[in-house]
Amino acid sequence: MDSTYEYGRIAKLAESLRQAAITPEIIARIMEGGEAIGRDSKPQEKAEWMRQAMLRMDSLLDVETRRAVREACACCLGGKRAQLAEGIAKAGGSLAERIHVANETKYVFGHSVTLQDDGTVLVAFAPEGQERYGCPCLPKAREPLSVTYCYCCGGHVKHHLQAALGRKLSVKVLSSVLSSGGKQPCTFEFTLAEGGGSP
């Protein structure tokens, strides 16, 4: 992790940008002011820095690149979540059967995992229709963030769902707490990648 940035989420973003071979000049523009945000900074300050950084990413990087950068920022890829996802894979079964078990594994996949008629898989972190939704990653965000930020969570779910299903997936964020200002739940759509082989 880059020691320039004390706050882990910011250091991870810098690392992910470098791994994506973004030019140093563009990285510097995206990361502007990140060194001033520390672990002990106020949650509102962290959220506002991320909001501005995502706006800079949106203006400086193409859609696929910024999504890939944020997916690479995913956290919680090991531990109990990984064990549960691997357990689904080891048990085997058809795609529909594995999705059924994933749906029951709330600790990893949130509220629901469902196979759609068009073959996509929807993962929702909360039921629709609630009055208000909260984000555990940036609970004190005062203004909506670009949906770009939420591809880190998309990458987290993708990692474990690929392991559970034994299939390569691509992810699209359909809605998120942060991009909607708490009005919509986080919902991700997964498509089986071309070839659909092992992740």
N, C-alpha and C. Protein backbone atom coordinates (compact mmCIF):
# COMPACT_ATOMS: atom_id res chain seq x y z
N MET A 1 0.84 -1.19 0.00
CA MET A 1 0.00 0.00 0.00
C MET A 1 0.88 1.25 0.00
N ASP A 2 0.41 2.28 -0.64
CA ASP A 2 1.17 3.52 -0.76
C ASP A 2 1.17 4.26 0.59
N SER A 3 2.39 4.47 1.16
CA SER A 3 2.49 5.12 2.46
C SER A 3 2.22 6.62 2.38
N THR A 4 2.07 7.16 1.16
CA THR A 4 1.71 8.58 1.00
C THR A 4 0.34 8.85 1.60
N TYR A 5 -0.51 7.83 1.58
CA TYR A 5 -1.90 7.99 2.01
C TYR A 5 -2.15 7.16 3.26
N GLU A 6 -2.52 7.84 4.35
CA GLU A 6 -2.73 7.16 5.63
C GLU A 6 -4.04 6.38 5.64
N TYR A 7 -5.07 6.94 5.02
CA TYR A 7 -6.39 6.30 5.04
C TYR A 7 -6.41 5.16 4.01
N GLY A 8 -6.71 3.96 4.48
CA GLY A 8 -6.59 2.76 3.66
C GLY A 8 -7.36 2.77 2.36
N ARG A 9 -8.57 3.29 2.38
CA ARG A 9 -9.37 3.29 1.15
C ARG A 9 -8.75 4.18 0.07
N ILE A 10 -8.10 5.26 0.51
CA ILE A 10 -7.45 6.15 -0.44
C ILE A 10 -6.17 5.51 -0.96
N ALA A 11 -5.39 4.89 -0.06
CA ALA A 11 -4.17 4.19 -0.48
C ALA A 11 -4.50 3.08 -1.48
N LYS A 12 -5.59 2.36 -1.24
CA LYS A 12 -6.00 1.28 -2.14
C LYS A 12 -6.37 1.82 -3.51
N LEU A 13 -7.03 2.96 -3.56
CA LEU A 13 -7.38 3.57 -4.83
C LEU A 13 -6.12 3.94 -5.61
N ALA A 14 -5.14 4.55 -4.93
CA ALA A 14 -3.89 4.91 -5.60
C ALA A 14 -3.19 3.68 -6.17
N GLU A 15 -3.17 2.61 -5.38
CA GLU A 15 -2.55 1.36 -5.82
C GLU A 15 -3.27 0.79 -7.04
N SER A 16 -4.59 0.81 -7.00
CA SER A 16 -5.39 0.28 -8.10
C SER A 16 -5.18 1.08 -9.39
N LEU A 17 -5.07 2.38 -9.26
CA LEU A 17 -4.82 3.23 -10.44
C LEU A 17 -3.47 2.90 -11.05
N ARG A 18 -2.46 2.70 -10.21
CA ARG A 18 -1.12 2.34 -10.72
C ARG A 18 -1.15 0.98 -11.40
N GLN A 19 -1.84 0.02 -10.80
CA GLN A 19 -1.91 -1.32 -11.38
C GLN A 19 -2.62 -1.32 -12.73
N ALA A 20 -3.51 -0.35 -12.92
CA ALA A 20 -4.24 -0.23 -14.20
C ALA A 20 -3.42 0.53 -15.24
N ALA A 21 -2.18 0.87 -14.89
CA ALA A 21 -1.26 1.57 -15.80
C ALA A 21 -1.77 2.94 -16.22
N ILE A 22 -2.47 3.62 -15.32
CA ILE A 22 -2.88 5.00 -15.56
C ILE A 22 -1.63 5.88 -15.47
N THR A 23 -1.53 6.89 -16.30
CA THR A 23 -0.33 7.74 -16.29
C THR A 23 -0.19 8.45 -14.96
N PRO A 24 1.05 8.69 -14.51
CA PRO A 24 1.26 9.37 -13.23
C PRO A 24 0.57 10.74 -13.16
N GLU A 25 0.50 11.43 -14.28
CA GLU A 25 -0.14 12.75 -14.29
C GLU A 25 -1.62 12.65 -13.97
N ILE A 26 -2.29 11.68 -14.57
CA ILE A 26 -3.72 11.50 -14.31
C ILE A 26 -3.95 10.99 -12.89
N ILE A 27 -3.09 10.08 -12.44
CA ILE A 27 -3.21 9.60 -11.06
C ILE A 27 -3.10 10.77 -10.09
N ALA A 28 -2.14 11.65 -10.32
CA ALA A 28 -1.95 12.80 -9.43
C ALA A 28 -3.19 13.68 -9.40
N ARG A 29 -3.84 13.84 -10.53
CA ARG A 29 -5.05 14.67 -10.58
C ARG A 29 -6.19 14.00 -9.81
N ILE A 30 -6.35 12.70 -9.99
CA ILE A 30 -7.42 11.98 -9.30
C ILE A 30 -7.18 11.98 -7.79
N MET A 31 -5.92 11.80 -7.39
CA MET A 31 -5.59 11.64 -5.97
C MET A 31 -5.37 12.96 -5.24
N GLU A 32 -5.59 14.07 -5.91
CA GLU A 32 -5.34 15.40 -5.33
C GLU A 32 -5.98 15.55 -3.94
N GLY A 33 -5.15 15.90 -2.97
CA GLY A 33 -5.63 16.13 -1.60
C GLY A 33 -5.77 14.87 -0.77
N GLY A 34 -5.55 13.71 -1.34
CA GLY A 34 -5.73 12.45 -0.61
C GLY A 34 -4.79 12.27 0.55
N GLU A 35 -3.59 12.86 0.44
CA GLU A 35 -2.61 12.72 1.52
C GLU A 35 -3.04 13.48 2.78
N ALA A 36 -3.98 14.40 2.65
CA ALA A 36 -4.44 15.17 3.80
C ALA A 36 -5.54 14.46 4.60
N ILE A 37 -6.05 13.36 4.05
CA ILE A 37 -7.10 12.60 4.73
C ILE A 37 -6.45 11.45 5.48
N GLY A 38 -6.61 11.44 6.81
CA GLY A 38 -6.00 10.40 7.63
C GLY A 38 -7.03 9.43 8.18
N ARG A 39 -6.55 8.43 8.87
CA ARG A 39 -7.45 7.46 9.50
C ARG A 39 -8.40 8.13 10.47
N ASP A 40 -7.92 9.19 11.12
CA ASP A 40 -8.73 9.87 12.14
C ASP A 40 -9.52 11.05 11.59
N SER A 41 -9.46 11.27 10.29
CA SER A 41 -10.26 12.35 9.69
C SER A 41 -11.74 12.07 9.91
N LYS A 42 -12.53 13.12 9.92
CA LYS A 42 -13.96 12.96 10.11
C LYS A 42 -14.56 12.15 8.96
N PRO A 43 -15.55 11.29 9.26
CA PRO A 43 -16.19 10.50 8.21
C PRO A 43 -16.72 11.36 7.06
N GLN A 44 -17.23 12.55 7.39
CA GLN A 44 -17.74 13.43 6.35
C GLN A 44 -16.63 13.89 5.41
N GLU A 45 -15.43 14.11 5.96
CA GLU A 45 -14.29 14.54 5.15
C GLU A 45 -13.85 13.41 4.21
N LYS A 46 -13.84 12.18 4.74
CA LYS A 46 -13.47 11.03 3.92
C LYS A 46 -14.47 10.87 2.77
N ALA A 47 -15.75 10.98 3.09
CA ALA A 47 -16.79 10.81 2.07
C ALA A 47 -16.70 11.91 1.01
N GLU A 48 -16.44 13.13 1.44
CA GLU A 48 -16.37 14.23 0.48
C GLU A 48 -15.14 14.10 -0.42
N TRP A 49 -14.02 13.65 0.15
CA TRP A 49 -12.85 13.44 -0.70
C TRP A 49 -13.15 12.38 -1.76
N MET A 50 -13.76 11.29 -1.33
CA MET A 50 -14.10 10.22 -2.28
C MET A 50 -15.08 10.73 -3.34
N ARG A 51 -16.03 11.53 -2.94
CA ARG A 51 -16.99 12.07 -3.91
C ARG A 51 -16.26 12.87 -4.99
N GLN A 52 -15.35 13.73 -4.57
CA GLN A 52 -14.60 14.54 -5.53
C GLN A 52 -13.67 13.68 -6.38
N ALA A 53 -13.03 12.68 -5.77
CA ALA A 53 -12.13 11.80 -6.52
C ALA A 53 -12.89 11.02 -7.60
N MET A 54 -14.11 10.59 -7.28
CA MET A 54 -14.90 9.86 -8.26
C MET A 54 -15.32 10.78 -9.41
N LEU A 55 -15.62 12.03 -9.11
CA LEU A 55 -15.94 12.98 -10.17
C LEU A 55 -14.73 13.18 -11.09
N ARG A 56 -13.53 13.25 -10.48
CA ARG A 56 -12.33 13.38 -11.30
C ARG A 56 -12.10 12.14 -12.15
N MET A 57 -12.32 10.98 -11.57
CA MET A 57 -12.18 9.73 -12.34
C MET A 57 -13.16 9.71 -13.51
N ASP A 58 -14.39 10.13 -13.24
CA ASP A 58 -15.41 10.12 -14.29
C ASP A 58 -15.03 11.02 -15.46
N SER A 59 -14.34 12.11 -15.16
CA SER A 59 -13.98 13.03 -16.24
C SER A 59 -12.67 12.65 -16.93
N LEU A 60 -11.82 11.87 -16.26
CA LEU A 60 -10.49 11.57 -16.80
C LEU A 60 -10.32 10.17 -17.37
N LEU A 61 -11.19 9.23 -16.98
CA LEU A 61 -11.05 7.84 -17.41
C LEU A 61 -12.31 7.36 -18.10
N ASP A 62 -12.14 6.43 -19.04
CA ASP A 62 -13.32 5.87 -19.71
C ASP A 62 -14.05 4.93 -18.75
N VAL A 63 -15.27 4.61 -19.11
CA VAL A 63 -16.15 3.83 -18.21
C VAL A 63 -15.52 2.50 -17.81
N GLU A 64 -15.03 1.74 -18.77
CA GLU A 64 -14.49 0.42 -18.46
C GLU A 64 -13.27 0.51 -17.54
N THR A 65 -12.41 1.49 -17.79
CA THR A 65 -11.21 1.63 -16.96
C THR A 65 -11.57 2.00 -15.54
N ARG A 66 -12.45 2.97 -15.36
CA ARG A 66 -12.77 3.38 -13.99
C ARG A 66 -13.53 2.29 -13.24
N ARG A 67 -14.35 1.54 -13.94
CA ARG A 67 -15.03 0.42 -13.27
C ARG A 67 -14.02 -0.63 -12.83
N ALA A 68 -13.07 -0.95 -13.71
CA ALA A 68 -12.05 -1.95 -13.39
C ALA A 68 -11.18 -1.49 -12.22
N VAL A 69 -10.84 -0.21 -12.20
CA VAL A 69 -10.03 0.35 -11.11
C VAL A 69 -10.77 0.20 -9.79
N ARG A 70 -12.04 0.52 -9.78
CA ARG A 70 -12.81 0.43 -8.54
C ARG A 70 -13.06 -1.03 -8.14
N GLU A 71 -13.29 -1.91 -9.11
CA GLU A 71 -13.45 -3.33 -8.78
C GLU A 71 -12.21 -3.86 -8.08
N ALA A 72 -11.05 -3.38 -8.52
CA ALA A 72 -9.79 -3.82 -7.92
C ALA A 72 -9.60 -3.28 -6.50
N CYS A 73 -10.45 -2.35 -6.09
CA CYS A 73 -10.40 -1.81 -4.72
C CYS A 73 -11.23 -2.64 -3.74
N ALA A 74 -11.83 -3.70 -4.22
CA ALA A 74 -12.71 -4.51 -3.38
C ALA A 74 -11.99 -5.02 -2.13
N CYS A 75 -12.73 -5.04 -1.03
CA CYS A 75 -12.17 -5.53 0.23
C CYS A 75 -12.91 -6.80 0.65
N CYS A 76 -12.49 -7.37 1.77
CA CYS A 76 -13.15 -8.55 2.37
C CYS A 76 -13.24 -9.71 1.39
N LEU A 77 -12.12 -10.01 0.73
CA LEU A 77 -12.12 -11.07 -0.28
C LEU A 77 -11.79 -12.44 0.32
N GLY A 78 -11.31 -12.47 1.53
CA GLY A 78 -10.95 -13.74 2.16
C GLY A 78 -11.86 -14.07 3.33
N GLY A 79 -11.32 -14.77 4.29
CA GLY A 79 -12.03 -15.06 5.54
C GLY A 79 -13.28 -15.90 5.38
N LYS A 80 -14.23 -15.65 6.25
CA LYS A 80 -15.46 -16.46 6.29
C LYS A 80 -16.25 -16.36 5.00
N ARG A 81 -16.26 -15.16 4.37
CA ARG A 81 -17.00 -15.00 3.12
C ARG A 81 -16.44 -15.93 2.04
N ALA A 82 -15.12 -15.95 1.93
CA ALA A 82 -14.48 -16.82 0.94
C ALA A 82 -14.76 -18.29 1.24
N GLN A 83 -14.73 -18.67 2.51
CA GLN A 83 -15.00 -20.05 2.90
C GLN A 83 -16.43 -20.46 2.51
N LEU A 84 -17.38 -19.58 2.75
CA LEU A 84 -18.77 -19.88 2.41
C LEU A 84 -18.97 -20.00 0.90
N ALA A 85 -18.34 -19.09 0.15
CA ALA A 85 -18.46 -19.14 -1.31
C ALA A 85 -17.81 -20.41 -1.85
N GLU A 86 -16.65 -20.76 -1.31
CA GLU A 86 -15.97 -21.99 -1.74
C GLU A 86 -16.79 -23.22 -1.36
N GLY A 87 -17.49 -23.15 -0.24
CA GLY A 87 -18.35 -24.26 0.16
C GLY A 87 -19.48 -24.50 -0.83
N ILE A 88 -20.03 -23.42 -1.37
CA ILE A 88 -21.07 -23.54 -2.40
C ILE A 88 -20.49 -24.22 -3.63
N ALA A 89 -19.28 -23.81 -4.02
CA ALA A 89 -18.64 -24.41 -5.19
C ALA A 89 -18.36 -25.89 -4.99
N LYS A 90 -17.86 -26.24 -3.81
CA LYS A 90 -17.53 -27.64 -3.53
C LYS A 90 -18.77 -28.53 -3.53
N ALA A 91 -19.89 -27.98 -3.07
CA ALA A 91 -21.14 -28.76 -3.06
C ALA A 91 -21.63 -29.03 -4.47
N GLY A 92 -21.22 -28.17 -5.41
CA GLY A 92 -21.57 -28.38 -6.82
C GLY A 92 -23.03 -28.12 -7.11
N GLY A 93 -23.49 -28.74 -8.17
CA GLY A 93 -24.88 -28.54 -8.59
C GLY A 93 -24.97 -27.64 -9.80
N SER A 94 -26.18 -27.49 -10.32
CA SER A 94 -26.41 -26.65 -11.49
C SER A 94 -26.24 -25.18 -11.11
N LEU A 95 -26.22 -24.32 -12.10
CA LEU A 95 -26.14 -22.88 -11.85
C LEU A 95 -27.31 -22.43 -10.98
N ALA A 96 -28.52 -22.88 -11.30
CA ALA A 96 -29.71 -22.50 -10.53
C ALA A 96 -29.61 -22.99 -9.09
N GLU A 97 -29.09 -24.20 -8.90
CA GLU A 97 -28.96 -24.75 -7.54
C GLU A 97 -27.94 -23.96 -6.73
N ARG A 98 -26.83 -23.61 -7.37
CA ARG A 98 -25.80 -22.83 -6.66
C ARG A 98 -26.34 -21.44 -6.31
N ILE A 99 -27.09 -20.84 -7.22
CA ILE A 99 -27.67 -19.52 -6.94
C ILE A 99 -28.66 -19.61 -5.78
N HIS A 100 -29.41 -20.70 -5.73
CA HIS A 100 -30.35 -20.90 -4.62
C HIS A 100 -29.60 -20.93 -3.29
N VAL A 101 -28.48 -21.66 -3.24
CA VAL A 101 -27.70 -21.73 -2.00
C VAL A 101 -27.07 -20.37 -1.68
N ALA A 102 -26.58 -19.68 -2.72
CA ALA A 102 -26.00 -18.34 -2.52
C ALA A 102 -27.05 -17.40 -1.93
N ASN A 103 -28.28 -17.55 -2.37
CA ASN A 103 -29.37 -16.71 -1.87
C ASN A 103 -29.60 -16.93 -0.38
N GLU A 104 -29.32 -18.13 0.09
CA GLU A 104 -29.49 -18.44 1.51
C GLU A 104 -28.29 -17.99 2.34
N THR A 105 -27.19 -17.64 1.67
CA THR A 105 -25.95 -17.29 2.36
C THR A 105 -25.87 -15.78 2.52
N LYS A 106 -26.69 -15.24 3.38
CA LYS A 106 -26.86 -13.79 3.53
C LYS A 106 -25.57 -13.08 3.95
N TYR A 107 -24.74 -13.74 4.73
CA TYR A 107 -23.52 -13.10 5.22
C TYR A 107 -22.63 -12.64 4.06
N VAL A 108 -22.64 -13.38 2.97
CA VAL A 108 -21.80 -13.04 1.82
C VAL A 108 -22.53 -12.12 0.85
N PHE A 109 -23.79 -12.43 0.55
CA PHE A 109 -24.46 -11.80 -0.58
C PHE A 109 -25.62 -10.88 -0.21
N GLY A 110 -25.75 -10.54 1.05
CA GLY A 110 -26.77 -9.57 1.42
C GLY A 110 -28.19 -10.11 1.41
N HIS A 111 -29.10 -9.33 0.86
CA HIS A 111 -30.52 -9.63 0.95
C HIS A 111 -30.95 -10.77 0.03
N SER A 112 -30.52 -10.74 -1.24
CA SER A 112 -30.99 -11.77 -2.17
C SER A 112 -30.07 -11.95 -3.37
N VAL A 113 -30.07 -13.18 -3.87
CA VAL A 113 -29.37 -13.54 -5.12
C VAL A 113 -30.40 -14.27 -5.96
N THR A 114 -30.71 -13.73 -7.14
CA THR A 114 -31.75 -14.34 -7.97
C THR A 114 -31.30 -14.46 -9.42
N LEU A 115 -31.67 -15.59 -10.03
CA LEU A 115 -31.41 -15.83 -11.45
C LEU A 115 -32.59 -15.27 -12.23
N GLN A 116 -32.31 -14.36 -13.17
CA GLN A 116 -33.36 -13.72 -13.96
C GLN A 116 -33.67 -14.53 -15.22
N ASP A 117 -34.81 -14.26 -15.83
CA ASP A 117 -35.22 -14.98 -17.03
C ASP A 117 -34.23 -14.82 -18.18
N ASP A 118 -33.53 -13.67 -18.21
CA ASP A 118 -32.57 -13.42 -19.29
C ASP A 118 -31.20 -14.02 -19.01
N GLY A 119 -31.06 -14.75 -17.91
CA GLY A 119 -29.80 -15.41 -17.58
C GLY A 119 -28.86 -14.58 -16.71
N THR A 120 -29.22 -13.33 -16.43
CA THR A 120 -28.39 -12.53 -15.54
C THR A 120 -28.72 -12.89 -14.09
N VAL A 121 -27.81 -12.51 -13.20
CA VAL A 121 -27.99 -12.77 -11.77
C VAL A 121 -28.04 -11.43 -11.06
N LEU A 122 -29.09 -11.21 -10.27
CA LEU A 122 -29.22 -9.98 -9.49
C LEU A 122 -28.86 -10.25 -8.04
N VAL A 123 -28.04 -9.35 -7.48
CA VAL A 123 -27.72 -9.41 -6.06
C VAL A 123 -28.16 -8.09 -5.44
N ALA A 124 -29.01 -8.17 -4.43
CA ALA A 124 -29.50 -6.97 -3.74
C ALA A 124 -29.06 -7.02 -2.29
N PHE A 125 -28.61 -5.90 -1.76
CA PHE A 125 -28.15 -5.84 -0.38
C PHE A 125 -29.26 -5.49 0.59
N ALA A 126 -30.42 -5.10 0.07
CA ALA A 126 -31.56 -4.77 0.95
C ALA A 126 -32.83 -4.87 0.11
N PRO A 127 -33.96 -5.07 0.74
CA PRO A 127 -35.22 -5.11 -0.02
C PRO A 127 -35.58 -3.74 -0.56
N GLU A 128 -36.30 -3.72 -1.66
CA GLU A 128 -36.77 -2.45 -2.20
C GLU A 128 -37.94 -1.95 -1.36
N GLY A 129 -38.18 -0.64 -1.42
CA GLY A 129 -39.34 -0.06 -0.76
C GLY A 129 -39.12 0.48 0.63
N GLN A 130 -37.88 0.40 1.14
CA GLN A 130 -37.62 0.98 2.45
C GLN A 130 -37.60 2.51 2.34
N GLU A 131 -37.85 3.14 3.46
CA GLU A 131 -37.87 4.60 3.47
C GLU A 131 -36.48 5.18 3.29
N ARG A 132 -35.47 4.50 3.84
CA ARG A 132 -34.10 5.02 3.79
C ARG A 132 -33.11 3.86 3.79
N TYR A 133 -31.99 4.03 3.08
CA TYR A 133 -30.94 3.03 3.03
C TYR A 133 -29.62 3.66 3.48
N GLY A 134 -28.76 2.85 4.07
CA GLY A 134 -27.46 3.34 4.52
C GLY A 134 -26.32 2.55 3.92
N CYS A 135 -25.16 3.19 3.78
CA CYS A 135 -23.97 2.53 3.25
C CYS A 135 -22.95 2.36 4.38
N PRO A 136 -22.51 1.14 4.67
CA PRO A 136 -21.54 0.95 5.74
C PRO A 136 -20.14 1.47 5.37
N CYS A 137 -19.87 1.63 4.08
CA CYS A 137 -18.54 2.08 3.66
C CYS A 137 -18.35 3.58 3.88
N LEU A 138 -19.36 4.36 3.54
CA LEU A 138 -19.31 5.82 3.72
C LEU A 138 -20.62 6.27 4.35
N PRO A 139 -20.81 5.95 5.63
CA PRO A 139 -22.11 6.24 6.26
C PRO A 139 -22.42 7.71 6.44
N LYS A 140 -21.41 8.57 6.36
CA LYS A 140 -21.63 10.00 6.61
C LYS A 140 -21.58 10.84 5.34
N ALA A 141 -21.76 10.20 4.17
CA ALA A 141 -21.77 10.97 2.92
C ALA A 141 -22.95 11.93 2.94
N ARG A 142 -22.66 13.21 2.72
CA ARG A 142 -23.71 14.23 2.76
C ARG A 142 -24.37 14.44 1.42
N GLU A 143 -23.63 14.17 0.35
CA GLU A 143 -24.16 14.34 -1.00
C GLU A 143 -23.99 13.03 -1.77
N PRO A 144 -24.82 12.80 -2.78
CA PRO A 144 -24.68 11.58 -3.58
C PRO A 144 -23.30 11.48 -4.23
N LEU A 145 -22.80 10.25 -4.33
CA LEU A 145 -21.53 9.97 -5.00
C LEU A 145 -21.81 9.34 -6.36
N SER A 146 -20.87 9.50 -7.26
CA SER A 146 -20.96 8.81 -8.55
C SER A 146 -21.06 7.32 -8.31
N VAL A 147 -21.83 6.64 -9.14
CA VAL A 147 -21.96 5.19 -9.03
C VAL A 147 -20.61 4.50 -9.24
N THR A 148 -19.64 5.22 -9.82
CA THR A 148 -18.29 4.68 -9.99
C THR A 148 -17.75 4.15 -8.67
N TYR A 149 -17.99 4.87 -7.57
CA TYR A 149 -17.48 4.45 -6.27
C TYR A 149 -17.94 3.03 -5.94
N CYS A 150 -19.15 2.70 -6.31
CA CYS A 150 -19.79 1.47 -5.87
C CYS A 150 -19.30 0.22 -6.60
N TYR A 151 -18.43 0.40 -7.59
CA TYR A 151 -17.86 -0.77 -8.25
C TYR A 151 -16.85 -1.50 -7.36
N CYS A 152 -16.41 -0.88 -6.26
CA CYS A 152 -15.58 -1.64 -5.31
C CYS A 152 -16.44 -2.71 -4.65
N CYS A 153 -17.65 -2.35 -4.27
CA CYS A 153 -18.57 -3.32 -3.68
C CYS A 153 -18.99 -4.34 -4.74
N GLY A 154 -19.19 -3.85 -5.97
CA GLY A 154 -19.49 -4.77 -7.07
C GLY A 154 -18.37 -5.78 -7.25
N GLY A 155 -17.13 -5.33 -7.11
CA GLY A 155 -15.98 -6.24 -7.23
C GLY A 155 -15.93 -7.25 -6.10
N HIS A 156 -16.33 -6.82 -4.91
CA HIS A 156 -16.40 -7.71 -3.75
C HIS A 156 -17.39 -8.85 -4.00
N VAL A 157 -18.60 -8.47 -4.42
CA VAL A 157 -19.64 -9.48 -4.66
C VAL A 157 -19.23 -10.38 -5.84
N LYS A 158 -18.69 -9.77 -6.89
CA LYS A 158 -18.25 -10.52 -8.07
C LYS A 158 -17.23 -11.59 -7.68
N HIS A 159 -16.26 -11.23 -6.86
CA HIS A 159 -15.22 -12.16 -6.43
C HIS A 159 -15.83 -13.41 -5.79
N HIS A 160 -16.75 -13.20 -4.85
CA HIS A 160 -17.32 -14.34 -4.13
C HIS A 160 -18.35 -15.09 -4.96
N LEU A 161 -19.11 -14.38 -5.79
CA LEU A 161 -20.11 -15.05 -6.62
C LEU A 161 -19.44 -15.89 -7.70
N GLN A 162 -18.35 -15.39 -8.27
CA GLN A 162 -17.60 -16.19 -9.24
C GLN A 162 -17.10 -17.48 -8.60
N ALA A 163 -16.58 -17.36 -7.38
CA ALA A 163 -16.09 -18.55 -6.67
C ALA A 163 -17.22 -19.54 -6.42
N ALA A 164 -18.38 -19.02 -6.00
CA ALA A 164 -19.51 -19.89 -5.69
C ALA A 164 -20.07 -20.58 -6.93
N LEU A 165 -20.17 -19.83 -8.03
CA LEU A 165 -20.78 -20.36 -9.24
C LEU A 165 -19.78 -21.09 -10.14
N GLY A 166 -18.50 -20.82 -9.94
CA GLY A 166 -17.49 -21.42 -10.81
C GLY A 166 -17.56 -20.87 -12.22
N ARG A 167 -18.00 -19.64 -12.35
CA ARG A 167 -18.17 -19.01 -13.66
C ARG A 167 -17.62 -17.60 -13.63
N LYS A 168 -17.01 -17.16 -14.73
CA LYS A 168 -16.56 -15.78 -14.83
C LYS A 168 -17.77 -14.87 -15.03
N LEU A 169 -17.75 -13.72 -14.39
CA LEU A 169 -18.87 -12.79 -14.42
C LEU A 169 -18.39 -11.38 -14.75
N SER A 170 -19.30 -10.58 -15.29
CA SER A 170 -19.09 -9.14 -15.36
C SER A 170 -20.19 -8.50 -14.53
N VAL A 171 -19.90 -7.32 -13.98
CA VAL A 171 -20.85 -6.69 -13.05
C VAL A 171 -21.25 -5.31 -13.53
N LYS A 172 -22.51 -4.98 -13.26
CA LYS A 172 -23.02 -3.63 -13.50
C LYS A 172 -23.79 -3.21 -12.26
N VAL A 173 -23.52 -2.00 -11.76
CA VAL A 173 -24.27 -1.47 -10.62
C VAL A 173 -25.56 -0.88 -11.16
N LEU A 174 -26.69 -1.45 -10.77
CA LEU A 174 -27.98 -0.95 -11.23
C LEU A 174 -28.48 0.21 -10.37
N SER A 175 -28.25 0.13 -9.07
CA SER A 175 -28.62 1.21 -8.16
C SER A 175 -27.72 1.10 -6.94
N SER A 176 -27.58 2.22 -6.23
CA SER A 176 -26.79 2.18 -5.00
C SER A 176 -27.27 3.22 -4.01
N VAL A 177 -27.00 2.92 -2.75
CA VAL A 177 -27.35 3.84 -1.68
C VAL A 177 -26.66 5.19 -1.89
N LEU A 178 -25.36 5.14 -2.20
CA LEU A 178 -24.58 6.37 -2.30
C LEU A 178 -24.96 7.21 -3.50
N SER A 179 -25.20 6.58 -4.65
CA SER A 179 -25.52 7.37 -5.84
C SER A 179 -26.94 7.94 -5.80
N SER A 180 -27.80 7.31 -4.99
CA SER A 180 -29.20 7.78 -4.90
C SER A 180 -29.46 8.63 -3.67
N GLY A 181 -28.42 8.92 -2.90
CA GLY A 181 -28.61 9.68 -1.66
C GLY A 181 -29.45 8.93 -0.63
N GLY A 182 -29.33 7.60 -0.61
CA GLY A 182 -30.05 6.79 0.37
C GLY A 182 -31.46 6.41 -0.02
N LYS A 183 -31.86 6.74 -1.25
CA LYS A 183 -33.24 6.46 -1.68
C LYS A 183 -33.42 5.10 -2.32
N GLN A 184 -32.32 4.47 -2.78
CA GLN A 184 -32.42 3.16 -3.43
C GLN A 184 -31.42 2.19 -2.81
N PRO A 185 -31.75 0.91 -2.81
CA PRO A 185 -30.81 -0.09 -2.28
C PRO A 185 -29.68 -0.36 -3.28
N CYS A 186 -28.63 -1.00 -2.80
CA CYS A 186 -27.53 -1.41 -3.68
C CYS A 186 -27.94 -2.69 -4.40
N THR A 187 -27.99 -2.62 -5.71
CA THR A 187 -28.38 -3.77 -6.52
C THR A 187 -27.38 -3.93 -7.66
N PHE A 188 -26.88 -5.15 -7.82
CA PHE A 188 -25.87 -5.45 -8.82
C PHE A 188 -26.38 -6.49 -9.80
N GLU A 189 -26.07 -6.28 -11.08
CA GLU A 189 -26.45 -7.25 -12.11
C GLU A 189 -25.18 -7.93 -12.62
N PHE A 190 -25.19 -9.25 -12.62
CA PHE A 190 -24.05 -10.03 -13.07
C PHE A 190 -24.40 -10.80 -14.34
N THR A 191 -23.51 -10.72 -15.30
CA THR A 191 -23.68 -11.42 -16.57
C THR A 191 -22.58 -12.44 -16.71
N LEU A 192 -22.94 -13.63 -17.16
CA LEU A 192 -21.92 -14.65 -17.40
C LEU A 192 -21.03 -14.17 -18.52
N ALA A 193 -19.72 -14.15 -18.29
CA ALA A 193 -18.78 -13.67 -19.29
C ALA A 193 -18.75 -14.63 -20.48
N GLU A 194 -18.30 -14.12 -21.62
CA GLU A 194 -18.20 -14.95 -22.82
C GLU A 194 -17.35 -16.19 -22.50
N GLY A 195 -17.83 -17.32 -22.91
CA GLY A 195 -17.13 -18.57 -22.61
C GLY A 195 -17.60 -19.15 -21.28
N GLY A 196 -17.90 -18.25 -20.32
CA GLY A 196 -18.50 -18.65 -19.04
C GLY A 196 -17.70 -19.65 -18.23
N GLY A 197 -16.38 -19.78 -18.49
CA GLY A 197 -15.57 -20.77 -17.80
C GLY A 197 -15.28 -20.41 -16.37
N SER A 198 -14.35 -21.14 -15.77
CA SER A 198 -13.97 -20.92 -14.37
C SER A 198 -13.34 -19.55 -14.20
N PRO A 199 -13.53 -18.93 -13.04
CA PRO A 199 -12.95 -17.60 -12.79
C PRO A 199 -11.43 -17.68 -12.66
